[in-house]
Structures are given as C-alpha cells and as structure tokens.
Amino acid sequence: MCIPQPTASFNLSSEVVSIDDPTFSVNNTSEGAVEYVWNFGNGVTDSNFEPTDITYSGNLQPEYQITLIATSENGCVDSTFRIIKVSDELTVYVPNTFIPDGDGLNDIWFPVINGGMYENTYELIIVDRWGEIIFQSKDYTQGWDGTYKGNEVQNGTYSYSIRFRSTFDKQNKLITGHVNLLR
C-alpha cells in the first residue's frame, strides 16, 4: 500500500463537443499529486497540471477516452478517465419554394442535410395533391426539377417526405412538408 495515496480527478467543460467546434477545457481536481500525465485518446499527451483548451482535429471519432494519471511525491499512482463525445450535429434545411424556369437560379429543389446521416438511408418522395408520386430519389444530391415523366408539372403546392437515419441519436427521421413550385 502506498501512503499517501493521491486522488486523480478532473472535470470537463462539456462531455459533448460539436463536430464543428470540438474544443473543451479540463479542470484538474486531483489531490495529493505532484506529477500528471494526460492522454486525450487521440495520441496527444500532456504533463501540465491543467492543460489549456483541447481541440480535436482531423478525422474525428464519435468519442474519446480522456485519462489522467496522478503521481504523488512518494511515487504513489492513481488514475481516472472520462469519455467525451463528439456530436455529429444534424442540420436540415428544406426550401419552401423553387422556380424551375431554366434561368440557372433555383431550378432544382432539394433539401440540404449537413452531417449526421447514415449512408444509404436517405429517401425523398414528392407527391401531387392526389397522392401520386411524381418524384422519388435515394440520392440526397439529386433534386427535383419540377417535371414528371419528362413533362413540366403545373404551378402549385406539392407534399414531400424525407426519410433517413441520424448518426447522432441512431433514430430514423421523417420530415414532411410542402414545397411551392412557381414558373
């Protein structure tokens, strides 16, 4: 038994960081130690009592284990760890109107989904007022050009449903609404 035994402990400014700004700080609350070794789970280590703000970069992982090893002046060791998660925030923007008039501006309608979507789970369906499917796609980069079977559809309001699986909460998402087509 090692006496006195240090107690390794620390707090994080947040246990979840955004993929857009994966920065956090630590507050070392250890007692009885004089040396510290931090491992941030990304190959970076630090021996400061309290490291400055930490920012993850590169190909981010969904989570990292942060480990602190605290050593007393008698060589007694204690360690602790915490998990920090990187949130793949989901943002969805769905325009409510488009004008497919061939001028090169706003001619294609499609929702914009940034981050947070599993591949091969996306489906977009557009129906007319009678419920007939006039556009369908499983490619989130492919939008609707305002045609059905090669013919221009009438001005009007069309219903859409967007389905995909979120990487953030692992849930299936369904977004429904209306889009106005004007020529």
N, C-alpha and C. Protein backbone atom coordinates (compact mmCIF):
# COMPACT_ATOMS: atom_id res chain seq x y z
N MET A 1 0.84 -1.18 0.00
CA MET A 1 0.00 0.00 0.00
C MET A 1 0.88 1.24 0.00
N CYS A 2 0.49 2.17 -0.78
CA CYS A 2 1.26 3.39 -0.96
C CYS A 2 0.63 4.51 -0.13
N ILE A 3 1.45 5.18 0.69
CA ILE A 3 0.91 6.25 1.53
C ILE A 3 1.77 7.49 1.32
N PRO A 4 1.22 8.64 1.16
CA PRO A 4 -0.21 8.89 0.97
C PRO A 4 -0.63 8.62 -0.49
N GLN A 5 -1.81 8.12 -0.64
CA GLN A 5 -2.35 7.79 -1.95
C GLN A 5 -2.95 9.06 -2.58
N PRO A 6 -2.51 9.43 -3.79
CA PRO A 6 -3.13 10.59 -4.45
C PRO A 6 -4.52 10.21 -4.97
N THR A 7 -5.29 11.21 -5.23
CA THR A 7 -6.61 11.01 -5.84
C THR A 7 -6.64 11.76 -7.16
N ALA A 8 -6.74 11.01 -8.25
CA ALA A 8 -6.81 11.61 -9.59
C ALA A 8 -8.27 11.92 -9.89
N SER A 9 -8.54 13.17 -10.27
CA SER A 9 -9.90 13.54 -10.67
C SER A 9 -9.85 14.81 -11.50
N PHE A 10 -10.84 14.95 -12.36
CA PHE A 10 -10.94 16.16 -13.18
C PHE A 10 -12.35 16.33 -13.69
N ASN A 11 -12.66 17.55 -14.07
CA ASN A 11 -13.95 17.89 -14.67
C ASN A 11 -13.70 18.38 -16.08
N LEU A 12 -14.70 18.23 -16.94
CA LEU A 12 -14.64 18.72 -18.31
C LEU A 12 -15.60 19.89 -18.45
N SER A 13 -15.26 20.85 -19.30
CA SER A 13 -16.18 21.96 -19.54
C SER A 13 -17.47 21.46 -20.19
N SER A 14 -17.38 20.35 -20.91
CA SER A 14 -18.54 19.71 -21.51
C SER A 14 -18.18 18.27 -21.81
N GLU A 15 -19.14 17.38 -21.68
CA GLU A 15 -18.89 15.97 -22.02
C GLU A 15 -19.29 15.67 -23.46
N VAL A 16 -19.86 16.67 -24.14
CA VAL A 16 -20.22 16.54 -25.56
C VAL A 16 -19.71 17.79 -26.26
N VAL A 17 -18.94 17.59 -27.34
CA VAL A 17 -18.47 18.72 -28.14
C VAL A 17 -19.04 18.58 -29.54
N SER A 18 -19.17 19.69 -30.21
CA SER A 18 -19.72 19.72 -31.56
C SER A 18 -18.65 19.34 -32.57
N ILE A 19 -19.03 18.65 -33.61
CA ILE A 19 -18.11 18.31 -34.69
C ILE A 19 -17.60 19.59 -35.37
N ASP A 20 -18.39 20.67 -35.30
CA ASP A 20 -17.99 21.94 -35.89
C ASP A 20 -16.99 22.70 -35.03
N ASP A 21 -16.99 22.45 -33.72
CA ASP A 21 -16.05 23.09 -32.81
C ASP A 21 -15.71 22.12 -31.68
N PRO A 22 -14.86 21.13 -31.96
CA PRO A 22 -14.56 20.10 -30.95
C PRO A 22 -13.51 20.56 -29.94
N THR A 23 -13.81 21.63 -29.22
CA THR A 23 -12.89 22.20 -28.24
C THR A 23 -13.52 22.13 -26.85
N PHE A 24 -12.69 21.82 -25.86
CA PHE A 24 -13.16 21.76 -24.47
C PHE A 24 -11.98 22.07 -23.57
N SER A 25 -12.27 22.29 -22.31
CA SER A 25 -11.20 22.51 -21.34
C SER A 25 -11.38 21.53 -20.18
N VAL A 26 -10.29 21.33 -19.45
CA VAL A 26 -10.31 20.44 -18.30
C VAL A 26 -9.98 21.23 -17.04
N ASN A 27 -10.52 20.77 -15.94
CA ASN A 27 -10.23 21.36 -14.63
C ASN A 27 -9.71 20.22 -13.75
N ASN A 28 -8.42 20.24 -13.47
CA ASN A 28 -7.80 19.20 -12.66
C ASN A 28 -8.19 19.40 -11.19
N THR A 29 -8.88 18.42 -10.63
CA THR A 29 -9.31 18.49 -9.22
C THR A 29 -8.60 17.42 -8.38
N SER A 30 -7.47 16.94 -8.87
CA SER A 30 -6.70 15.90 -8.17
C SER A 30 -6.17 16.43 -6.84
N GLU A 31 -5.94 15.50 -5.92
CA GLU A 31 -5.38 15.87 -4.63
C GLU A 31 -4.20 14.96 -4.31
N GLY A 32 -3.17 15.53 -3.67
CA GLY A 32 -2.03 14.76 -3.21
C GLY A 32 -1.06 14.32 -4.29
N ALA A 33 -1.10 14.93 -5.45
CA ALA A 33 -0.21 14.55 -6.54
C ALA A 33 0.69 15.71 -6.92
N VAL A 34 1.84 15.37 -7.51
CA VAL A 34 2.77 16.40 -7.96
C VAL A 34 3.12 16.25 -9.44
N GLU A 35 2.80 15.10 -10.02
CA GLU A 35 3.03 14.86 -11.45
C GLU A 35 1.75 14.35 -12.09
N TYR A 36 1.56 14.76 -13.34
CA TYR A 36 0.32 14.41 -14.04
C TYR A 36 0.65 14.00 -15.46
N VAL A 37 -0.03 12.99 -15.95
CA VAL A 37 0.07 12.60 -17.35
C VAL A 37 -1.36 12.49 -17.88
N TRP A 38 -1.64 13.30 -18.89
CA TRP A 38 -2.94 13.30 -19.56
C TRP A 38 -2.82 12.56 -20.88
N ASN A 39 -3.83 11.78 -21.21
CA ASN A 39 -3.93 11.16 -22.52
C ASN A 39 -5.33 11.49 -23.03
N PHE A 40 -5.39 12.17 -24.18
CA PHE A 40 -6.67 12.65 -24.68
C PHE A 40 -7.34 11.70 -25.67
N GLY A 41 -6.79 10.50 -25.81
CA GLY A 41 -7.43 9.48 -26.63
C GLY A 41 -7.21 9.64 -28.12
N ASN A 42 -6.43 10.64 -28.50
CA ASN A 42 -6.17 10.89 -29.92
C ASN A 42 -4.67 10.87 -30.22
N GLY A 43 -3.89 10.26 -29.32
CA GLY A 43 -2.45 10.22 -29.49
C GLY A 43 -1.73 11.39 -28.87
N VAL A 44 -2.45 12.36 -28.32
CA VAL A 44 -1.85 13.54 -27.70
C VAL A 44 -1.79 13.33 -26.19
N THR A 45 -0.61 13.60 -25.63
CA THR A 45 -0.45 13.55 -24.18
C THR A 45 0.07 14.89 -23.70
N ASP A 46 -0.09 15.13 -22.39
CA ASP A 46 0.33 16.40 -21.80
C ASP A 46 0.72 16.11 -20.36
N SER A 47 1.69 16.85 -19.83
CA SER A 47 2.10 16.64 -18.44
C SER A 47 1.88 17.87 -17.58
N ASN A 48 1.13 18.83 -18.07
CA ASN A 48 0.81 20.02 -17.27
C ASN A 48 -0.23 19.67 -16.22
N PHE A 49 -0.23 20.44 -15.13
CA PHE A 49 -1.25 20.26 -14.10
C PHE A 49 -2.64 20.40 -14.72
N GLU A 50 -2.81 21.47 -15.49
CA GLU A 50 -4.10 21.71 -16.14
C GLU A 50 -3.82 22.19 -17.57
N PRO A 51 -3.99 21.31 -18.55
CA PRO A 51 -3.72 21.68 -19.94
C PRO A 51 -4.63 22.82 -20.39
N THR A 52 -4.16 23.55 -21.40
CA THR A 52 -5.00 24.59 -21.99
C THR A 52 -6.11 23.92 -22.79
N ASP A 53 -6.97 24.71 -23.41
CA ASP A 53 -8.08 24.15 -24.18
C ASP A 53 -7.59 23.09 -25.16
N ILE A 54 -8.35 22.01 -25.25
CA ILE A 54 -8.02 20.90 -26.14
C ILE A 54 -8.98 20.95 -27.32
N THR A 55 -8.44 20.78 -28.53
CA THR A 55 -9.26 20.75 -29.73
C THR A 55 -8.91 19.50 -30.51
N TYR A 56 -9.92 18.68 -30.81
CA TYR A 56 -9.70 17.51 -31.66
C TYR A 56 -9.73 17.97 -33.11
N SER A 57 -8.95 17.31 -33.95
CA SER A 57 -8.92 17.67 -35.36
C SER A 57 -8.76 16.42 -36.21
N GLY A 58 -8.80 16.63 -37.53
CA GLY A 58 -8.65 15.51 -38.45
C GLY A 58 -9.92 14.70 -38.56
N ASN A 59 -9.77 13.41 -38.78
CA ASN A 59 -10.91 12.50 -38.91
C ASN A 59 -11.43 12.19 -37.50
N LEU A 60 -12.45 12.91 -37.08
CA LEU A 60 -12.94 12.81 -35.71
C LEU A 60 -13.66 11.49 -35.45
N GLN A 61 -13.45 10.98 -34.25
CA GLN A 61 -14.12 9.77 -33.78
C GLN A 61 -15.40 10.17 -33.04
N PRO A 62 -16.35 9.25 -32.89
CA PRO A 62 -17.58 9.59 -32.15
C PRO A 62 -17.34 9.89 -30.68
N GLU A 63 -16.29 9.28 -30.10
CA GLU A 63 -15.97 9.56 -28.71
C GLU A 63 -14.49 9.30 -28.44
N TYR A 64 -14.02 9.92 -27.36
CA TYR A 64 -12.63 9.77 -26.94
C TYR A 64 -12.60 9.51 -25.44
N GLN A 65 -11.65 8.68 -25.02
CA GLN A 65 -11.45 8.46 -23.59
C GLN A 65 -10.28 9.34 -23.14
N ILE A 66 -10.54 10.19 -22.17
CA ILE A 66 -9.52 11.06 -21.61
C ILE A 66 -9.08 10.43 -20.29
N THR A 67 -7.77 10.19 -20.17
CA THR A 67 -7.23 9.54 -18.98
C THR A 67 -6.26 10.48 -18.28
N LEU A 68 -6.33 10.51 -16.96
CA LEU A 68 -5.38 11.27 -16.14
C LEU A 68 -4.71 10.31 -15.17
N ILE A 69 -3.38 10.32 -15.17
CA ILE A 69 -2.59 9.56 -14.19
C ILE A 69 -1.93 10.58 -13.27
N ALA A 70 -2.21 10.46 -11.98
CA ALA A 70 -1.65 11.39 -10.99
C ALA A 70 -0.68 10.61 -10.10
N THR A 71 0.50 11.21 -9.87
CA THR A 71 1.54 10.56 -9.06
C THR A 71 1.93 11.48 -7.91
N SER A 72 2.02 10.90 -6.70
CA SER A 72 2.42 11.68 -5.52
C SER A 72 3.94 11.79 -5.49
N GLU A 73 4.47 12.60 -4.57
CA GLU A 73 5.92 12.76 -4.49
C GLU A 73 6.60 11.48 -3.99
N ASN A 74 5.85 10.54 -3.39
CA ASN A 74 6.38 9.24 -2.96
C ASN A 74 6.26 8.18 -4.05
N GLY A 75 5.77 8.58 -5.24
CA GLY A 75 5.64 7.63 -6.35
C GLY A 75 4.34 6.85 -6.35
N CYS A 76 3.41 7.20 -5.48
CA CYS A 76 2.10 6.55 -5.46
C CYS A 76 1.28 7.05 -6.65
N VAL A 77 0.52 6.15 -7.26
CA VAL A 77 -0.18 6.48 -8.51
C VAL A 77 -1.67 6.21 -8.38
N ASP A 78 -2.47 7.10 -8.96
CA ASP A 78 -3.92 6.89 -9.12
C ASP A 78 -4.28 7.37 -10.52
N SER A 79 -5.31 6.80 -11.06
CA SER A 79 -5.74 7.23 -12.40
C SER A 79 -7.26 7.25 -12.48
N THR A 80 -7.74 8.01 -13.43
CA THR A 80 -9.18 8.11 -13.69
C THR A 80 -9.36 8.44 -15.16
N PHE A 81 -10.58 8.26 -15.64
CA PHE A 81 -10.85 8.61 -17.03
C PHE A 81 -12.27 9.12 -17.17
N ARG A 82 -12.52 9.82 -18.26
CA ARG A 82 -13.85 10.30 -18.63
C ARG A 82 -13.98 10.12 -20.14
N ILE A 83 -15.19 9.98 -20.59
CA ILE A 83 -15.48 9.86 -22.02
C ILE A 83 -16.06 11.19 -22.50
N ILE A 84 -15.53 11.68 -23.61
CA ILE A 84 -16.10 12.87 -24.24
C ILE A 84 -16.62 12.45 -25.61
N LYS A 85 -17.84 12.88 -25.91
CA LYS A 85 -18.47 12.52 -27.19
C LYS A 85 -18.41 13.68 -28.16
N VAL A 86 -18.23 13.35 -29.42
CA VAL A 86 -18.24 14.34 -30.49
C VAL A 86 -19.59 14.23 -31.18
N SER A 87 -20.35 15.30 -31.10
CA SER A 87 -21.69 15.32 -31.65
C SER A 87 -21.65 15.66 -33.14
N ASP A 88 -22.17 14.73 -33.94
CA ASP A 88 -22.30 14.96 -35.37
C ASP A 88 -23.63 15.65 -35.58
N GLU A 89 -23.64 16.96 -35.35
CA GLU A 89 -24.89 17.70 -35.35
C GLU A 89 -25.58 17.65 -36.70
N LEU A 90 -26.84 17.47 -36.62
CA LEU A 90 -27.67 17.34 -37.80
C LEU A 90 -28.36 18.67 -38.07
N THR A 91 -28.18 19.18 -39.28
CA THR A 91 -28.92 20.37 -39.69
C THR A 91 -29.62 20.04 -41.00
N VAL A 92 -30.88 20.39 -41.05
CA VAL A 92 -31.69 20.13 -42.24
C VAL A 92 -32.33 21.45 -42.66
N TYR A 93 -32.12 21.80 -43.93
CA TYR A 93 -32.76 23.00 -44.49
C TYR A 93 -33.58 22.54 -45.69
N VAL A 94 -34.87 22.84 -45.63
CA VAL A 94 -35.77 22.45 -46.72
C VAL A 94 -36.43 23.71 -47.27
N PRO A 95 -36.06 24.12 -48.48
CA PRO A 95 -36.68 25.31 -49.07
C PRO A 95 -38.18 25.10 -49.26
N ASN A 96 -38.95 26.16 -49.14
CA ASN A 96 -40.40 26.02 -49.30
C ASN A 96 -40.89 26.41 -50.69
N THR A 97 -40.01 26.96 -51.53
CA THR A 97 -40.42 27.39 -52.88
C THR A 97 -39.24 27.26 -53.83
N PHE A 98 -39.54 26.90 -55.09
CA PHE A 98 -38.50 26.98 -56.10
C PHE A 98 -39.14 27.34 -57.43
N ILE A 99 -38.31 27.83 -58.35
CA ILE A 99 -38.79 28.36 -59.63
C ILE A 99 -37.98 27.72 -60.77
N PRO A 100 -38.42 26.56 -61.25
CA PRO A 100 -37.68 25.88 -62.31
C PRO A 100 -37.98 26.48 -63.70
N ASP A 101 -37.44 27.69 -63.94
CA ASP A 101 -37.74 28.38 -65.20
C ASP A 101 -36.56 28.39 -66.17
N GLY A 102 -35.52 27.61 -65.85
CA GLY A 102 -34.40 27.48 -66.78
C GLY A 102 -33.40 28.62 -66.76
N ASP A 103 -33.50 29.53 -65.80
CA ASP A 103 -32.55 30.65 -65.75
C ASP A 103 -31.27 30.32 -65.00
N GLY A 104 -31.16 29.07 -64.51
CA GLY A 104 -29.96 28.66 -63.80
C GLY A 104 -29.98 29.00 -62.33
N LEU A 105 -31.01 29.68 -61.86
CA LEU A 105 -31.14 30.03 -60.45
C LEU A 105 -32.37 29.34 -59.87
N ASN A 106 -32.16 28.58 -58.82
CA ASN A 106 -33.28 27.96 -58.11
C ASN A 106 -34.13 27.06 -59.01
N ASP A 107 -33.47 26.36 -59.96
CA ASP A 107 -34.19 25.49 -60.90
C ASP A 107 -34.41 24.08 -60.37
N ILE A 108 -33.64 23.69 -59.37
CA ILE A 108 -33.74 22.35 -58.80
C ILE A 108 -34.07 22.49 -57.32
N TRP A 109 -35.03 21.69 -56.86
CA TRP A 109 -35.42 21.71 -55.45
C TRP A 109 -34.85 20.47 -54.77
N PHE A 110 -34.16 20.69 -53.65
CA PHE A 110 -33.72 19.58 -52.83
C PHE A 110 -33.43 20.08 -51.42
N PRO A 111 -33.65 19.21 -50.44
CA PRO A 111 -33.30 19.56 -49.07
C PRO A 111 -31.79 19.48 -48.89
N VAL A 112 -31.27 20.25 -47.95
CA VAL A 112 -29.85 20.23 -47.64
C VAL A 112 -29.71 19.64 -46.24
N ILE A 113 -28.99 18.52 -46.17
CA ILE A 113 -28.77 17.85 -44.89
C ILE A 113 -27.27 17.84 -44.65
N ASN A 114 -26.85 18.49 -43.58
CA ASN A 114 -25.43 18.57 -43.24
C ASN A 114 -25.12 17.68 -42.06
N GLY A 115 -24.30 16.68 -42.31
CA GLY A 115 -23.83 15.80 -41.25
C GLY A 115 -24.94 14.99 -40.62
N GLY A 116 -24.55 13.98 -39.93
CA GLY A 116 -25.48 13.24 -39.11
C GLY A 116 -26.42 12.29 -39.81
N MET A 117 -26.05 11.79 -41.02
CA MET A 117 -26.94 10.89 -41.74
C MET A 117 -26.15 9.66 -42.19
N TYR A 118 -26.67 8.49 -41.87
CA TYR A 118 -26.05 7.25 -42.35
C TYR A 118 -26.22 7.15 -43.85
N GLU A 119 -25.18 6.65 -44.51
CA GLU A 119 -25.26 6.44 -45.96
C GLU A 119 -26.34 5.41 -46.26
N ASN A 120 -26.91 5.52 -47.42
CA ASN A 120 -27.90 4.56 -47.94
C ASN A 120 -29.17 4.47 -47.09
N THR A 121 -29.50 5.53 -46.33
CA THR A 121 -30.76 5.53 -45.58
C THR A 121 -31.69 6.64 -46.04
N TYR A 122 -31.23 7.47 -46.97
CA TYR A 122 -31.99 8.64 -47.41
C TYR A 122 -33.02 8.25 -48.46
N GLU A 123 -34.22 8.84 -48.32
CA GLU A 123 -35.24 8.71 -49.36
C GLU A 123 -36.09 9.98 -49.37
N LEU A 124 -36.29 10.52 -50.57
CA LEU A 124 -37.12 11.69 -50.78
C LEU A 124 -38.27 11.29 -51.70
N ILE A 125 -39.49 11.62 -51.30
CA ILE A 125 -40.67 11.36 -52.12
C ILE A 125 -41.46 12.65 -52.21
N ILE A 126 -41.86 13.01 -53.43
CA ILE A 126 -42.73 14.16 -53.66
C ILE A 126 -44.00 13.65 -54.31
N VAL A 127 -45.15 14.10 -53.78
CA VAL A 127 -46.44 13.68 -54.33
C VAL A 127 -47.26 14.91 -54.69
N ASP A 128 -48.18 14.70 -55.63
CA ASP A 128 -49.08 15.79 -56.01
C ASP A 128 -50.29 15.79 -55.07
N ARG A 129 -51.25 16.66 -55.34
CA ARG A 129 -52.39 16.79 -54.42
C ARG A 129 -53.29 15.56 -54.37
N TRP A 130 -53.14 14.65 -55.32
CA TRP A 130 -53.93 13.42 -55.33
C TRP A 130 -53.15 12.25 -54.73
N GLY A 131 -51.93 12.52 -54.26
CA GLY A 131 -51.13 11.49 -53.61
C GLY A 131 -50.30 10.66 -54.57
N GLU A 132 -50.24 11.04 -55.83
CA GLU A 132 -49.44 10.29 -56.79
C GLU A 132 -47.97 10.71 -56.66
N ILE A 133 -47.11 9.71 -56.61
CA ILE A 133 -45.68 10.00 -56.51
C ILE A 133 -45.19 10.54 -57.85
N ILE A 134 -44.67 11.78 -57.81
CA ILE A 134 -44.17 12.39 -59.05
C ILE A 134 -42.65 12.51 -59.07
N PHE A 135 -42.01 12.29 -57.91
CA PHE A 135 -40.56 12.28 -57.85
C PHE A 135 -40.14 11.44 -56.66
N GLN A 136 -39.08 10.64 -56.87
CA GLN A 136 -38.56 9.82 -55.79
C GLN A 136 -37.06 9.65 -56.00
N SER A 137 -36.29 9.74 -54.91
CA SER A 137 -34.84 9.59 -55.01
C SER A 137 -34.28 9.03 -53.72
N LYS A 138 -33.24 8.23 -53.85
CA LYS A 138 -32.48 7.73 -52.70
C LYS A 138 -31.09 8.37 -52.67
N ASP A 139 -30.87 9.34 -53.53
CA ASP A 139 -29.60 10.07 -53.62
C ASP A 139 -29.83 11.49 -53.12
N TYR A 140 -29.26 11.83 -51.95
CA TYR A 140 -29.50 13.14 -51.35
C TYR A 140 -28.93 14.29 -52.18
N THR A 141 -28.10 14.00 -53.16
CA THR A 141 -27.56 15.06 -54.02
C THR A 141 -28.43 15.30 -55.25
N GLN A 142 -29.43 14.46 -55.44
CA GLN A 142 -30.31 14.60 -56.61
C GLN A 142 -31.60 15.33 -56.18
N GLY A 143 -31.91 16.40 -56.88
CA GLY A 143 -33.11 17.17 -56.57
C GLY A 143 -34.16 17.03 -57.65
N TRP A 144 -35.29 17.64 -57.39
CA TRP A 144 -36.44 17.60 -58.30
C TRP A 144 -36.39 18.84 -59.20
N ASP A 145 -36.56 18.60 -60.50
CA ASP A 145 -36.50 19.69 -61.47
C ASP A 145 -37.87 20.23 -61.87
N GLY A 146 -38.92 19.78 -61.20
CA GLY A 146 -40.27 20.27 -61.50
C GLY A 146 -40.93 19.55 -62.65
N THR A 147 -40.45 18.35 -62.97
CA THR A 147 -41.07 17.57 -64.04
C THR A 147 -41.57 16.23 -63.51
N TYR A 148 -42.46 15.64 -64.28
CA TYR A 148 -42.96 14.30 -64.01
C TYR A 148 -43.01 13.56 -65.33
N LYS A 149 -42.27 12.47 -65.42
CA LYS A 149 -42.16 11.70 -66.67
C LYS A 149 -41.73 12.58 -67.83
N GLY A 150 -40.82 13.52 -67.56
CA GLY A 150 -40.26 14.38 -68.59
C GLY A 150 -41.09 15.60 -68.95
N ASN A 151 -42.26 15.76 -68.35
CA ASN A 151 -43.13 16.90 -68.63
C ASN A 151 -43.17 17.85 -67.43
N GLU A 152 -43.22 19.15 -67.72
CA GLU A 152 -43.33 20.14 -66.64
C GLU A 152 -44.65 19.97 -65.91
N VAL A 153 -44.60 20.02 -64.58
CA VAL A 153 -45.83 19.97 -63.79
C VAL A 153 -46.36 21.39 -63.62
N GLN A 154 -47.60 21.48 -63.20
CA GLN A 154 -48.24 22.78 -63.02
C GLN A 154 -47.68 23.51 -61.81
N ASN A 155 -47.83 24.84 -61.83
CA ASN A 155 -47.57 25.61 -60.62
C ASN A 155 -48.45 25.05 -59.52
N GLY A 156 -47.95 25.07 -58.30
CA GLY A 156 -48.78 24.58 -57.21
C GLY A 156 -47.95 24.16 -56.02
N THR A 157 -48.65 23.56 -55.08
CA THR A 157 -48.03 23.09 -53.85
C THR A 157 -47.97 21.57 -53.88
N TYR A 158 -46.80 21.03 -53.57
CA TYR A 158 -46.57 19.60 -53.59
C TYR A 158 -46.08 19.17 -52.21
N SER A 159 -46.45 17.97 -51.80
CA SER A 159 -46.05 17.44 -50.50
C SER A 159 -44.78 16.61 -50.65
N TYR A 160 -43.95 16.65 -49.63
CA TYR A 160 -42.75 15.83 -49.64
C TYR A 160 -42.61 15.08 -48.32
N SER A 161 -41.89 13.98 -48.38
CA SER A 161 -41.46 13.28 -47.17
C SER A 161 -39.99 12.91 -47.38
N ILE A 162 -39.22 13.12 -46.34
CA ILE A 162 -37.79 12.84 -46.34
C ILE A 162 -37.54 11.87 -45.20
N ARG A 163 -36.90 10.75 -45.52
CA ARG A 163 -36.58 9.75 -44.50
C ARG A 163 -35.07 9.50 -44.52
N PHE A 164 -34.51 9.34 -43.33
CA PHE A 164 -33.11 8.96 -43.19
C PHE A 164 -32.87 8.55 -41.75
N ARG A 165 -31.71 7.96 -41.51
CA ARG A 165 -31.33 7.54 -40.16
C ARG A 165 -30.22 8.46 -39.66
N SER A 166 -30.44 9.05 -38.50
CA SER A 166 -29.50 10.00 -37.90
C SER A 166 -28.34 9.27 -37.23
N THR A 167 -27.12 9.76 -37.46
CA THR A 167 -25.96 9.18 -36.77
C THR A 167 -25.84 9.70 -35.35
N PHE A 168 -26.47 10.82 -35.05
CA PHE A 168 -26.35 11.41 -33.72
C PHE A 168 -27.12 10.60 -32.68
N ASP A 169 -28.39 10.34 -32.94
CA ASP A 169 -29.19 9.61 -31.96
C ASP A 169 -29.60 8.22 -32.44
N LYS A 170 -29.10 7.82 -33.61
CA LYS A 170 -29.35 6.48 -34.18
C LYS A 170 -30.84 6.22 -34.44
N GLN A 171 -31.62 7.28 -34.62
CA GLN A 171 -33.05 7.16 -34.84
C GLN A 171 -33.40 7.42 -36.30
N ASN A 172 -34.46 6.78 -36.75
CA ASN A 172 -34.98 7.07 -38.09
C ASN A 172 -35.74 8.38 -38.02
N LYS A 173 -35.51 9.24 -39.00
CA LYS A 173 -36.15 10.55 -39.04
C LYS A 173 -37.12 10.61 -40.22
N LEU A 174 -38.21 11.31 -40.01
CA LEU A 174 -39.19 11.57 -41.06
C LEU A 174 -39.51 13.05 -41.01
N ILE A 175 -39.25 13.73 -42.11
CA ILE A 175 -39.55 15.15 -42.23
C ILE A 175 -40.56 15.29 -43.35
N THR A 176 -41.69 15.92 -43.06
CA THR A 176 -42.71 16.13 -44.08
C THR A 176 -43.02 17.61 -44.21
N GLY A 177 -43.54 17.98 -45.36
CA GLY A 177 -43.90 19.37 -45.56
C GLY A 177 -44.38 19.61 -46.97
N HIS A 178 -44.37 20.87 -47.36
CA HIS A 178 -44.86 21.27 -48.68
C HIS A 178 -43.84 22.16 -49.37
N VAL A 179 -43.80 22.04 -50.68
CA VAL A 179 -42.95 22.90 -51.49
C VAL A 179 -43.81 23.54 -52.58
N ASN A 180 -43.62 24.82 -52.78
CA ASN A 180 -44.35 25.56 -53.83
C ASN A 180 -43.49 25.61 -55.09
N LEU A 181 -44.11 25.26 -56.19
CA LEU A 181 -43.44 25.34 -57.49
C LEU A 181 -44.04 26.51 -58.25
N LEU A 182 -43.20 27.46 -58.65
CA LEU A 182 -43.64 28.63 -59.43
C LEU A 182 -42.82 28.68 -60.70
N ARG A 183 -43.45 29.04 -61.79
CA ARG A 183 -42.70 29.22 -63.06
C ARG A 183 -42.80 30.64 -63.51
